[in-house]
Structures are given as structure tokens and as C-alpha cells.
Amino acid sequence: MRASLLDGIGLGLVGSALAVLATAVVVLAQRPGSQGVLALHLDAAGTLRLWNRPIRAQELVELLNRKATSQEGADVVLRLIPDPAVPWGVVRQAASGLENTGLPLELQLP
């Protein structure tokens, strides 16, 4: 009886710890956006995703123009995050297009 009570308490503590850890991961994953980092994910076809949704080139140009001319534009950094299967030529092409925006560009390799 006593062992099952201790097992129950232990499982409850482990479950609570996992819930706290999962919440911390979600909060930390949202930090780059609040710190002025625009994370652009690049897939093998050359498609860019912003906040996990595909973004057309025209939408991206408009967004970057707004950021570059706004007061907060000095704090905005572009971060290009290619998927692991993206050929290096596609990464270079996307990076060269993003360098022309006037915003600092970071490359985060997988």
C-alpha cells in the first residue's frame, strides 16, 4: 500500500515537471519575435515560411520595407533558417535576396 502511494506521488511530480518544462519551451520559442528577430524558414523548394506559414515574395517585401522604415527597424534582424535538406545553392540565392533589404541577416544552420 505504501509503495503504491509513493509511486503515485512520484508519477504526479514527474507529470508536473514535464508540464512546466513544456511551458518553458513554448515561452522560449516565442522570444525571438519579441526581441526583433524575424525568423524565415527555407524549404528545399525555396519557399519561405514566416511564423510557420508560407509567405509570398510580395508580402515579404512589404513587411521588410515596413520594418526597415519604422522606428523599431534598427532593432530588427532577419534570421534565415534552412531545412536540413535544402541545397546550398538555394540557401545562397535566398540569402543574397535578403541581404538587399538593408536589415542585418543571420544564417542559422540546422
PDB file of N, CA and C in Angstrom:
ATOM      1  N   MET A   1       0.838  -1.179   0.000  1.00  0.00           N
ATOM      2  CA  MET A   1       0.000   0.000   0.000  1.00  0.00           C
ATOM      3  C   MET A   1       0.883   1.242   0.000  1.00  0.00           C
ATOM      4  N   ARG A   2       1.884   1.250   0.843  1.00  0.00           N
ATOM      5  CA  ARG A   2       2.756   2.418   0.951  1.00  0.00           C
ATOM      6  C   ARG A   2       3.544   2.632  -0.342  1.00  0.00           C
ATOM      7  N   ALA A   3       3.998   1.557  -0.982  1.00  0.00           N
ATOM      8  CA  ALA A   3       4.762   1.670  -2.223  1.00  0.00           C
ATOM      9  C   ALA A   3       3.901   2.262  -3.328  1.00  0.00           C
ATOM     10  N   SER A   4       2.637   1.887  -3.412  1.00  0.00           N
ATOM     11  CA  SER A   4       1.770   2.414  -4.466  1.00  0.00           C
ATOM     12  C   SER A   4       1.488   3.905  -4.240  1.00  0.00           C
ATOM     13  N   LEU A   5       1.407   4.326  -2.968  1.00  0.00           N
ATOM     14  CA  LEU A   5       1.207   5.743  -2.670  1.00  0.00           C
ATOM     15  C   LEU A   5       2.426   6.555  -3.107  1.00  0.00           C
ATOM     16  N   LEU A   6       3.618   6.037  -2.814  1.00  0.00           N
ATOM     17  CA  LEU A   6       4.842   6.723  -3.225  1.00  0.00           C
ATOM     18  C   LEU A   6       4.973   6.738  -4.745  1.00  0.00           C
ATOM     19  N   ASP A   7       4.586   5.647  -5.395  1.00  0.00           N
ATOM     20  CA  ASP A   7       4.613   5.612  -6.854  1.00  0.00           C
ATOM     21  C   ASP A   7       3.674   6.660  -7.439  1.00  0.00           C
ATOM     22  N   GLY A   8       2.503   6.796  -6.867  1.00  0.00           N
ATOM     23  CA  GLY A   8       1.534   7.788  -7.338  1.00  0.00           C
ATOM     24  C   GLY A   8       2.048   9.212  -7.176  1.00  0.00           C
ATOM     25  N   ILE A   9       2.653   9.477  -6.030  1.00  0.00           N
ATOM     26  CA  ILE A   9       3.209  10.809  -5.789  1.00  0.00           C
ATOM     27  C   ILE A   9       4.361  11.080  -6.763  1.00  0.00           C
ATOM     28  N   GLY A  10       5.197  10.076  -6.970  1.00  0.00           N
ATOM     29  CA  GLY A  10       6.329  10.231  -7.902  1.00  0.00           C
ATOM     30  C   GLY A  10       5.853  10.503  -9.320  1.00  0.00           C
ATOM     31  N   LEU A  11       4.845   9.778  -9.774  1.00  0.00           N
ATOM     32  CA  LEU A  11       4.305   9.998 -11.112  1.00  0.00           C
ATOM     33  C   LEU A  11       3.673  11.385 -11.229  1.00  0.00           C
ATOM     34  N   GLY A  12       3.016  11.822 -10.176  1.00  0.00           N
ATOM     35  CA  GLY A  12       2.432  13.168 -10.179  1.00  0.00           C
ATOM     36  C   GLY A  12       3.502  14.241 -10.291  1.00  0.00           C
ATOM     37  N   LEU A  13       4.598  14.075  -9.563  1.00  0.00           N
ATOM     38  CA  LEU A  13       5.694  15.036  -9.630  1.00  0.00           C
ATOM     39  C   LEU A  13       6.355  15.047 -11.002  1.00  0.00           C
ATOM     40  N   VAL A  14       6.549  13.868 -11.583  1.00  0.00           N
ATOM     41  CA  VAL A  14       7.145  13.790 -12.916  1.00  0.00           C
ATOM     42  C   VAL A  14       6.227  14.449 -13.945  1.00  0.00           C
ATOM     43  N   GLY A  15       4.937  14.207 -13.852  1.00  0.00           N
ATOM     44  CA  GLY A  15       3.982  14.831 -14.772  1.00  0.00           C
ATOM     45  C   GLY A  15       3.981  16.348 -14.644  1.00  0.00           C
ATOM     46  N   SER A  16       4.035  16.831 -13.419  1.00  0.00           N
ATOM     47  CA  SER A  16       4.076  18.288 -13.200  1.00  0.00           C
ATOM     48  C   SER A  16       5.363  18.883 -13.748  1.00  0.00           C
ATOM     49  N   ALA A  17       6.477  18.213 -13.551  1.00  0.00           N
ATOM     50  CA  ALA A  17       7.755  18.701 -14.066  1.00  0.00           C
ATOM     51  C   ALA A  17       7.743  18.752 -15.590  1.00  0.00           C
ATOM     52  N   LEU A  18       7.163  17.749 -16.232  1.00  0.00           N
ATOM     53  CA  LEU A  18       7.067  17.748 -17.693  1.00  0.00           C
ATOM     54  C   LEU A  18       6.184  18.882 -18.191  1.00  0.00           C
ATOM     55  N   ALA A  19       5.100  19.165 -17.483  1.00  0.00           N
ATOM     56  CA  ALA A  19       4.225  20.272 -17.882  1.00  0.00           C
ATOM     57  C   ALA A  19       4.946  21.609 -17.778  1.00  0.00           C
ATOM     58  N   VAL A  20       5.714  21.803 -16.715  1.00  0.00           N
ATOM     59  CA  VAL A  20       6.478  23.041 -16.548  1.00  0.00           C
ATOM     60  C   VAL A  20       7.544  23.154 -17.635  1.00  0.00           C
ATOM     61  N   LEU A  21       8.213  22.071 -17.943  1.00  0.00           N
ATOM     62  CA  LEU A  21       9.235  22.068 -18.986  1.00  0.00           C
ATOM     63  C   LEU A  21       8.635  22.391 -20.355  1.00  0.00           C
ATOM     64  N   ALA A  22       7.497  21.803 -20.678  1.00  0.00           N
ATOM     65  CA  ALA A  22       6.840  22.075 -21.958  1.00  0.00           C
ATOM     66  C   ALA A  22       6.421  23.533 -22.062  1.00  0.00           C
ATOM     67  N   THR A  23       5.921  24.102 -20.983  1.00  0.00           N
ATOM     68  CA  THR A  23       5.543  25.516 -20.982  1.00  0.00           C
ATOM     69  C   THR A  23       6.769  26.404 -21.185  1.00  0.00           C
ATOM     70  N   ALA A  24       7.872  26.059 -20.546  1.00  0.00           N
ATOM     71  CA  ALA A  24       9.106  26.842 -20.705  1.00  0.00           C
ATOM     72  C   ALA A  24       9.600  26.796 -22.145  1.00  0.00           C
ATOM     73  N   VAL A  25       9.513  25.642 -22.785  1.00  0.00           N
ATOM     74  CA  VAL A  25       9.951  25.517 -24.176  1.00  0.00           C
ATOM     75  C   VAL A  25       9.090  26.386 -25.085  1.00  0.00           C
ATOM     76  N   VAL A  26       7.797  26.398 -24.875  1.00  0.00           N
ATOM     77  CA  VAL A  26       6.897  27.218 -25.689  1.00  0.00           C
ATOM     78  C   VAL A  26       7.206  28.697 -25.496  1.00  0.00           C
ATOM     79  N   VAL A  27       7.420  29.118 -24.271  1.00  0.00           N
ATOM     80  CA  VAL A  27       7.720  30.527 -23.996  1.00  0.00           C
ATOM     81  C   VAL A  27       9.050  30.920 -24.629  1.00  0.00           C
ATOM     82  N   LEU A  28      10.063  30.088 -24.519  1.00  0.00           N
ATOM     83  CA  LEU A  28      11.363  30.400 -25.097  1.00  0.00           C
ATOM     84  C   LEU A  28      11.320  30.406 -26.619  1.00  0.00           C
ATOM     85  N   ALA A  29      10.480  29.579 -27.214  1.00  0.00           N
ATOM     86  CA  ALA A  29      10.362  29.547 -28.670  1.00  0.00           C
ATOM     87  C   ALA A  29       9.753  30.832 -29.204  1.00  0.00           C
ATOM     88  N   GLN A  30       8.993  31.544 -28.403  1.00  0.00           N
ATOM     89  CA  GLN A  30       8.359  32.782 -28.837  1.00  0.00           C
ATOM     90  C   GLN A  30       9.235  34.002 -28.596  1.00  0.00           C
ATOM     91  N   ARG A  31      10.334  33.866 -27.905  1.00  0.00           N
ATOM     92  CA  ARG A  31      11.202  35.002 -27.582  1.00  0.00           C
ATOM     93  C   ARG A  31      11.781  35.707 -28.792  1.00  0.00           C
ATOM     94  N   PRO A  32      12.253  35.005 -29.844  1.00  0.00           N
ATOM     95  CA  PRO A  32      12.870  35.732 -30.949  1.00  0.00           C
ATOM     96  C   PRO A  32      11.964  36.795 -31.554  1.00  0.00           C
ATOM     97  N   GLY A  33      10.681  36.535 -31.703  1.00  0.00           N
ATOM     98  CA  GLY A  33       9.773  37.520 -32.257  1.00  0.00           C
ATOM     99  C   GLY A  33       9.664  38.754 -31.391  1.00  0.00           C
ATOM    100  N   SER A  34       9.698  38.578 -30.098  1.00  0.00           N
ATOM    101  CA  SER A  34       9.600  39.726 -29.203  1.00  0.00           C
ATOM    102  C   SER A  34      10.924  40.477 -29.106  1.00  0.00           C
ATOM    103  N   GLN A  35      12.012  39.879 -29.535  1.00  0.00           N
ATOM    104  CA  GLN A  35      13.312  40.533 -29.482  1.00  0.00           C
ATOM    105  C   GLN A  35      13.690  41.148 -30.823  1.00  0.00           C
ATOM    106  N   GLY A  36      12.770  41.231 -31.759  1.00  0.00           N
ATOM    107  CA  GLY A  36      13.045  41.848 -33.040  1.00  0.00           C
ATOM    108  C   GLY A  36      13.690  40.928 -34.055  1.00  0.00           C
ATOM    109  N   VAL A  37      13.557  39.629 -33.898  1.00  0.00           N
ATOM    110  CA  VAL A  37      14.125  38.680 -34.845  1.00  0.00           C
ATOM    111  C   VAL A  37      12.997  38.142 -35.720  1.00  0.00           C
ATOM    112  N   LEU A  38      13.135  38.326 -37.030  1.00  0.00           N
ATOM    113  CA  LEU A  38      12.192  37.730 -37.976  1.00  0.00           C
ATOM    114  C   LEU A  38      12.818  36.442 -38.484  1.00  0.00           C
ATOM    115  N   ALA A  39      12.307  35.301 -38.016  1.00  0.00           N
ATOM    116  CA  ALA A  39      12.850  34.003 -38.386  1.00  0.00           C
ATOM    117  C   ALA A  39      12.143  33.513 -39.644  1.00  0.00           C
ATOM    118  N   LEU A  40      12.903  33.385 -40.725  1.00  0.00           N
ATOM    119  CA  LEU A  40      12.383  32.906 -42.001  1.00  0.00           C
ATOM    120  C   LEU A  40      12.901  31.497 -42.236  1.00  0.00           C
ATOM    121  N   HIS A  41      12.004  30.542 -42.340  1.00  0.00           N
ATOM    122  CA  HIS A  41      12.373  29.155 -42.581  1.00  0.00           C
ATOM    123  C   HIS A  41      12.339  28.896 -44.081  1.00  0.00           C
ATOM    124  N   LEU A  42      13.348  28.218 -44.592  1.00  0.00           N
ATOM    125  CA  LEU A  42      13.503  27.961 -46.014  1.00  0.00           C
ATOM    126  C   LEU A  42      13.433  26.463 -46.266  1.00  0.00           C
ATOM    127  N   ASP A  43      12.556  26.043 -47.203  1.00  0.00           N
ATOM    128  CA  ASP A  43      12.495  24.617 -47.533  1.00  0.00           C
ATOM    129  C   ASP A  43      13.259  24.353 -48.833  1.00  0.00           C
ATOM    130  N   ALA A  44      13.357  23.086 -49.210  1.00  0.00           N
ATOM    131  CA  ALA A  44      14.167  22.683 -50.363  1.00  0.00           C
ATOM    132  C   ALA A  44      13.665  23.271 -51.676  1.00  0.00           C
ATOM    133  N   ALA A  45      12.395  23.615 -51.760  1.00  0.00           N
ATOM    134  CA  ALA A  45      11.837  24.209 -52.981  1.00  0.00           C
ATOM    135  C   ALA A  45      12.104  25.708 -53.047  1.00  0.00           C
ATOM    136  N   GLY A  46      12.696  26.280 -52.003  1.00  0.00           N
ATOM    137  CA  GLY A  46      12.972  27.706 -51.976  1.00  0.00           C
ATOM    138  C   GLY A  46      11.839  28.527 -51.395  1.00  0.00           C
ATOM    139  N   THR A  47      10.838  27.872 -50.818  1.00  0.00           N
ATOM    140  CA  THR A  47       9.702  28.562 -50.225  1.00  0.00           C
ATOM    141  C   THR A  47      10.054  29.024 -48.819  1.00  0.00           C
ATOM    142  N   LEU A  48       9.731  30.272 -48.535  1.00  0.00           N
ATOM    143  CA  LEU A  48       9.975  30.828 -47.208  1.00  0.00           C
ATOM    144  C   LEU A  48       8.721  30.731 -46.356  1.00  0.00           C
ATOM    145  N   ARG A  49       8.900  30.446 -45.070  1.00  0.00           N
ATOM    146  CA  ARG A  49       7.797  30.433 -44.110  1.00  0.00           C
ATOM    147  C   ARG A  49       8.134  31.415 -42.998  1.00  0.00           C
ATOM    148  N   LEU A  50       7.147  32.200 -42.625  1.00  0.00           N
ATOM    149  CA  LEU A  50       7.290  33.141 -41.527  1.00  0.00           C
ATOM    150  C   LEU A  50       6.235  32.777 -40.504  1.00  0.00           C
ATOM    151  N   TRP A  51       6.646  32.561 -39.268  1.00  0.00           N
ATOM    152  CA  TRP A  51       5.739  32.119 -38.197  1.00  0.00           C
ATOM    153  C   TRP A  51       4.945  30.900 -38.636  1.00  0.00           C
ATOM    154  N   ASN A  52       5.642  29.975 -39.273  1.00  0.00           N
ATOM    155  CA  ASN A  52       5.099  28.670 -39.672  1.00  0.00           C
ATOM    156  C   ASN A  52       4.013  28.734 -40.730  1.00  0.00           C
ATOM    157  N   ARG A  53       3.969  29.789 -41.506  1.00  0.00           N
ATOM    158  CA  ARG A  53       3.049  29.828 -42.637  1.00  0.00           C
ATOM    159  C   ARG A  53       3.813  30.349 -43.846  1.00  0.00           C
ATOM    160  N   PRO A  54       3.521  29.804 -45.027  1.00  0.00           N
ATOM    161  CA  PRO A  54       4.221  30.270 -46.228  1.00  0.00           C
ATOM    162  C   PRO A  54       3.956  31.762 -46.455  1.00  0.00           C
ATOM    163  N   ILE A  55       4.961  32.458 -46.937  1.00  0.00           N
ATOM    164  CA  ILE A  55       4.824  33.882 -47.222  1.00  0.00           C
ATOM    165  C   ILE A  55       5.273  34.128 -48.660  1.00  0.00           C
ATOM    166  N   ARG A  56       4.449  34.843 -49.402  1.00  0.00           N
ATOM    167  CA  ARG A  56       4.780  35.161 -50.792  1.00  0.00           C
ATOM    168  C   ARG A  56       5.858  36.239 -50.815  1.00  0.00           C
ATOM    169  N   ALA A  57       6.580  36.292 -51.905  1.00  0.00           N
ATOM    170  CA  ALA A  57       7.672  37.259 -52.028  1.00  0.00           C
ATOM    171  C   ALA A  57       7.164  38.689 -51.855  1.00  0.00           C
ATOM    172  N   GLN A  58       6.017  39.013 -52.445  1.00  0.00           N
ATOM    173  CA  GLN A  58       5.484  40.374 -52.345  1.00  0.00           C
ATOM    174  C   GLN A  58       5.130  40.722 -50.899  1.00  0.00           C
ATOM    175  N   GLU A  59       4.526  39.776 -50.177  1.00  0.00           N
ATOM    176  CA  GLU A  59       4.206  40.017 -48.762  1.00  0.00           C
ATOM    177  C   GLU A  59       5.474  40.256 -47.950  1.00  0.00           C
ATOM    178  N   LEU A  60       6.505  39.473 -48.239  1.00  0.00           N
ATOM    179  CA  LEU A  60       7.765  39.601 -47.510  1.00  0.00           C
ATOM    180  C   LEU A  60       8.416  40.953 -47.794  1.00  0.00           C
ATOM    181  N   VAL A  61       8.410  41.378 -49.055  1.00  0.00           N
ATOM    182  CA  VAL A  61       8.997  42.671 -49.410  1.00  0.00           C
ATOM    183  C   VAL A  61       8.271  43.798 -48.686  1.00  0.00           C
ATOM    184  N   GLU A  62       6.943  43.746 -48.657  1.00  0.00           N
ATOM    185  CA  GLU A  62       6.167  44.780 -47.962  1.00  0.00           C
ATOM    186  C   GLU A  62       6.470  44.792 -46.470  1.00  0.00           C
ATOM    187  N   LEU A  63       6.537  43.615 -45.866  1.00  0.00           N
ATOM    188  CA  LEU A  63       6.834  43.515 -44.436  1.00  0.00           C
ATOM    189  C   LEU A  63       8.219  44.066 -44.128  1.00  0.00           C
ATOM    190  N   LEU A  64       9.201  43.690 -44.929  1.00  0.00           N
ATOM    191  CA  LEU A  64      10.568  44.151 -44.688  1.00  0.00           C
ATOM    192  C   LEU A  64      10.705  45.649 -44.914  1.00  0.00           C
ATOM    193  N   ASN A  65       9.993  46.178 -45.896  1.00  0.00           N
ATOM    194  CA  ASN A  65      10.019  47.632 -46.122  1.00  0.00           C
ATOM    195  C   ASN A  65       9.424  48.373 -44.933  1.00  0.00           C
ATOM    196  N   ARG A  66       8.325  47.846 -44.381  1.00  0.00           N
ATOM    197  CA  ARG A  66       7.718  48.471 -43.193  1.00  0.00           C
ATOM    198  C   ARG A  66       8.670  48.424 -42.015  1.00  0.00           C
ATOM    199  N   LYS A  67       9.323  47.273 -41.825  1.00  0.00           N
ATOM    200  CA  LYS A  67      10.245  47.128 -40.688  1.00  0.00           C
ATOM    201  C   LYS A  67      11.465  48.031 -40.859  1.00  0.00           C
ATOM    202  N   ALA A  68      11.986  48.124 -42.082  1.00  0.00           N
ATOM    203  CA  ALA A  68      13.200  48.913 -42.317  1.00  0.00           C
ATOM    204  C   ALA A  68      12.946  50.402 -42.130  1.00  0.00           C
ATOM    205  N   THR A  69      11.721  50.859 -42.404  1.00  0.00           N
ATOM    206  CA  THR A  69      11.436  52.294 -42.302  1.00  0.00           C
ATOM    207  C   THR A  69      10.801  52.680 -40.977  1.00  0.00           C
ATOM    208  N   SER A  70      10.463  51.715 -40.133  1.00  0.00           N
ATOM    209  CA  SER A  70       9.818  52.033 -38.858  1.00  0.00           C
ATOM    210  C   SER A  70      10.863  52.376 -37.799  1.00  0.00           C
ATOM    211  N   GLN A  71      10.375  52.892 -36.679  1.00  0.00           N
ATOM    212  CA  GLN A  71      11.254  53.243 -35.560  1.00  0.00           C
ATOM    213  C   GLN A  71      11.972  52.010 -35.025  1.00  0.00           C
ATOM    214  N   GLU A  72      11.281  50.884 -35.020  1.00  0.00           N
ATOM    215  CA  GLU A  72      11.868  49.656 -34.477  1.00  0.00           C
ATOM    216  C   GLU A  72      12.751  48.950 -35.493  1.00  0.00           C
ATOM    217  N   GLY A  73      12.855  49.491 -36.704  1.00  0.00           N
ATOM    218  CA  GLY A  73      13.629  48.856 -37.767  1.00  0.00           C
ATOM    219  C   GLY A  73      15.089  48.666 -37.418  1.00  0.00           C
ATOM    220  N   ALA A  74      15.640  49.551 -36.600  1.00  0.00           N
ATOM    221  CA  ALA A  74      17.047  49.420 -36.217  1.00  0.00           C
ATOM    222  C   ALA A  74      17.285  48.178 -35.371  1.00  0.00           C
ATOM    223  N   ASP A  75      16.256  47.684 -34.720  1.00  0.00           N
ATOM    224  CA  ASP A  75      16.391  46.521 -33.849  1.00  0.00           C
ATOM    225  C   ASP A  75      16.015  45.212 -34.535  1.00  0.00           C
ATOM    226  N   VAL A  76      15.524  45.262 -35.763  1.00  0.00           N
ATOM    227  CA  VAL A  76      15.050  44.058 -36.450  1.00  0.00           C
ATOM    228  C   VAL A  76      16.225  43.345 -37.107  1.00  0.00           C
ATOM    229  N   VAL A  77      16.274  42.027 -36.909  1.00  0.00           N
ATOM    230  CA  VAL A  77      17.288  41.175 -37.517  1.00  0.00           C
ATOM    231  C   VAL A  77      16.560  40.053 -38.256  1.00  0.00           C
ATOM    232  N   LEU A  78      16.977  39.784 -39.479  1.00  0.00           N
ATOM    233  CA  LEU A  78      16.439  38.653 -40.226  1.00  0.00           C
ATOM    234  C   LEU A  78      17.268  37.422 -39.903  1.00  0.00           C
ATOM    235  N   ARG A  79      16.595  36.312 -39.658  1.00  0.00           N
ATOM    236  CA  ARG A  79      17.298  35.055 -39.409  1.00  0.00           C
ATOM    237  C   ARG A  79      16.783  34.032 -40.421  1.00  0.00           C
ATOM    238  N   LEU A  80      17.659  33.578 -41.291  1.00  0.00           N
ATOM    239  CA  LEU A  80      17.310  32.582 -42.299  1.00  0.00           C
ATOM    240  C   LEU A  80      17.656  31.203 -41.754  1.00  0.00           C
ATOM    241  N   ILE A  81      16.640  30.343 -41.666  1.00  0.00           N
ATOM    242  CA  ILE A  81      16.811  29.004 -41.097  1.00  0.00           C
ATOM    243  C   ILE A  81      16.443  27.980 -42.163  1.00  0.00           C
ATOM    244  N   PRO A  82      17.437  27.443 -42.890  1.00  0.00           N
ATOM    245  CA  PRO A  82      17.121  26.440 -43.910  1.00  0.00           C
ATOM    246  C   PRO A  82      16.832  25.084 -43.286  1.00  0.00           C
ATOM    247  N   ASP A  83      15.903  24.342 -43.911  1.00  0.00           N
ATOM    248  CA  ASP A  83      15.649  22.967 -43.502  1.00  0.00           C
ATOM    249  C   ASP A  83      16.907  22.140 -43.815  1.00  0.00           C
ATOM    250  N   PRO A  84      17.085  21.009 -43.131  1.00  0.00           N
ATOM    251  CA  PRO A  84      18.307  20.215 -43.349  1.00  0.00           C
ATOM    252  C   PRO A  84      18.513  19.743 -44.784  1.00  0.00           C
ATOM    253  N   ALA A  85      17.462  19.535 -45.561  1.00  0.00           N
ATOM    254  CA  ALA A  85      17.600  19.001 -46.913  1.00  0.00           C
ATOM    255  C   ALA A  85      17.748  20.076 -47.983  1.00  0.00           C
ATOM    256  N   VAL A  86      17.884  21.332 -47.604  1.00  0.00           N
ATOM    257  CA  VAL A  86      17.962  22.417 -48.581  1.00  0.00           C
ATOM    258  C   VAL A  86      19.355  22.453 -49.206  1.00  0.00           C
ATOM    259  N   PRO A  87      19.424  22.434 -50.549  1.00  0.00           N
ATOM    260  CA  PRO A  87      20.733  22.547 -51.204  1.00  0.00           C
ATOM    261  C   PRO A  87      21.368  23.906 -50.921  1.00  0.00           C
ATOM    262  N   TRP A  88      22.700  23.925 -50.864  1.00  0.00           N
ATOM    263  CA  TRP A  88      23.410  25.149 -50.516  1.00  0.00           C
ATOM    264  C   TRP A  88      23.144  26.258 -51.536  1.00  0.00           C
ATOM    265  N   GLY A  89      22.941  25.918 -52.790  1.00  0.00           N
ATOM    266  CA  GLY A  89      22.651  26.924 -53.808  1.00  0.00           C
ATOM    267  C   GLY A  89      21.359  27.665 -53.530  1.00  0.00           C
ATOM    268  N   VAL A  90      20.355  26.956 -53.040  1.00  0.00           N
ATOM    269  CA  VAL A  90      19.074  27.580 -52.696  1.00  0.00           C
ATOM    270  C   VAL A  90      19.251  28.514 -51.504  1.00  0.00           C
ATOM    271  N   VAL A  91      20.062  28.099 -50.535  1.00  0.00           N
ATOM    272  CA  VAL A  91      20.332  28.941 -49.361  1.00  0.00           C
ATOM    273  C   VAL A  91      21.049  30.218 -49.791  1.00  0.00           C
ATOM    274  N   ARG A  92      22.064  30.099 -50.656  1.00  0.00           N
ATOM    275  CA  ARG A  92      22.807  31.275 -51.118  1.00  0.00           C
ATOM    276  C   ARG A  92      21.917  32.229 -51.896  1.00  0.00           C
ATOM    277  N   GLN A  93      21.026  31.677 -52.727  1.00  0.00           N
ATOM    278  CA  GLN A  93      20.126  32.525 -53.508  1.00  0.00           C
ATOM    279  C   GLN A  93      19.180  33.299 -52.591  1.00  0.00           C
ATOM    280  N   ALA A  94      18.602  32.617 -51.608  1.00  0.00           N
ATOM    281  CA  ALA A  94      17.695  33.286 -50.674  1.00  0.00           C
ATOM    282  C   ALA A  94      18.451  34.319 -49.840  1.00  0.00           C
ATOM    283  N   ALA A  95      19.644  33.972 -49.383  1.00  0.00           N
ATOM    284  CA  ALA A  95      20.431  34.892 -48.554  1.00  0.00           C
ATOM    285  C   ALA A  95      20.820  36.136 -49.345  1.00  0.00           C
ATOM    286  N   SER A  96      21.192  35.971 -50.596  1.00  0.00           N
ATOM    287  CA  SER A  96      21.578  37.139 -51.387  1.00  0.00           C
ATOM    288  C   SER A  96      20.383  38.058 -51.624  1.00  0.00           C
ATOM    289  N   GLY A  97      19.188  37.494 -51.777  1.00  0.00           N
ATOM    290  CA  GLY A  97      17.990  38.318 -51.920  1.00  0.00           C
ATOM    291  C   GLY A  97      17.646  39.053 -50.643  1.00  0.00           C
ATOM    292  N   LEU A  98      17.882  38.428 -49.506  1.00  0.00           N
ATOM    293  CA  LEU A  98      17.564  39.054 -48.221  1.00  0.00           C
ATOM    294  C   LEU A  98      18.617  40.080 -47.803  1.00  0.00           C
ATOM    295  N   GLU A  99      19.832  39.940 -48.292  1.00  0.00           N
ATOM    296  CA  GLU A  99      20.875  40.912 -47.950  1.00  0.00           C
ATOM    297  C   GLU A  99      20.565  42.289 -48.515  1.00  0.00           C
ATOM    298  N   ASN A 100      19.788  42.345 -49.591  1.00  0.00           N
ATOM    299  CA  ASN A 100      19.471  43.620 -50.237  1.00  0.00           C
ATOM    300  C   ASN A 100      18.397  44.407 -49.497  1.00  0.00           C
ATOM    301  N   THR A 101      17.878  43.888 -48.403  1.00  0.00           N
ATOM    302  CA  THR A 101      16.803  44.573 -47.684  1.00  0.00           C
ATOM    303  C   THR A 101      17.310  45.694 -46.798  1.00  0.00           C
ATOM    304  N   GLY A 102      18.578  45.689 -46.493  1.00  0.00           N
ATOM    305  CA  GLY A 102      19.123  46.703 -45.596  1.00  0.00           C
ATOM    306  C   GLY A 102      19.033  46.318 -44.128  1.00  0.00           C
ATOM    307  N   LEU A 103      18.450  45.174 -43.849  1.00  0.00           N
ATOM    308  CA  LEU A 103      18.366  44.685 -42.474  1.00  0.00           C
ATOM    309  C   LEU A 103      19.468  43.661 -42.237  1.00  0.00           C
ATOM    310  N   PRO A 104      19.996  43.583 -41.013  1.00  0.00           N
ATOM    311  CA  PRO A 104      21.030  42.574 -40.735  1.00  0.00           C
ATOM    312  C   PRO A 104      20.468  41.172 -40.956  1.00  0.00           C
ATOM    313  N   LEU A 105      21.315  40.292 -41.494  1.00  0.00           N
ATOM    314  CA  LEU A 105      20.908  38.933 -41.812  1.00  0.00           C
ATOM    315  C   LEU A 105      21.775  37.946 -41.063  1.00  0.00           C
ATOM    316  N   GLU A 106      21.131  36.996 -40.390  1.00  0.00           N
ATOM    317  CA  GLU A 106      21.827  35.893 -39.727  1.00  0.00           C
ATOM    318  C   GLU A 106      21.448  34.609 -40.450  1.00  0.00           C
ATOM    319  N   LEU A 107      22.363  33.681 -40.514  1.00  0.00           N
ATOM    320  CA  LEU A 107      22.105  32.371 -41.086  1.00  0.00           C
ATOM    321  C   LEU A 107      22.235  31.343 -39.986  1.00  0.00           C
ATOM    322  N   GLN A 108      21.142  30.635 -39.699  1.00  0.00           N
ATOM    323  CA  GLN A 108      21.149  29.613 -38.646  1.00  0.00           C
ATOM    324  C   GLN A 108      21.127  28.261 -39.328  1.00  0.00           C
ATOM    325  N   LEU A 109      22.253  27.577 -39.297  1.00  0.00           N
ATOM    326  CA  LEU A 109      22.338  26.278 -39.951  1.00  0.00           C
ATOM    327  C   LEU A 109      21.718  25.207 -39.058  1.00  0.00           C
ATOM    328  N   PRO A 110      21.081  24.202 -39.689  1.00  0.00           N
ATOM    329  CA  PRO A 110      20.413  23.154 -38.895  1.00  0.00           C
ATOM    330  C   PRO A 110      21.416  22.242 -38.222  1.00  0.00           C
TER     331      PRO A 110
END
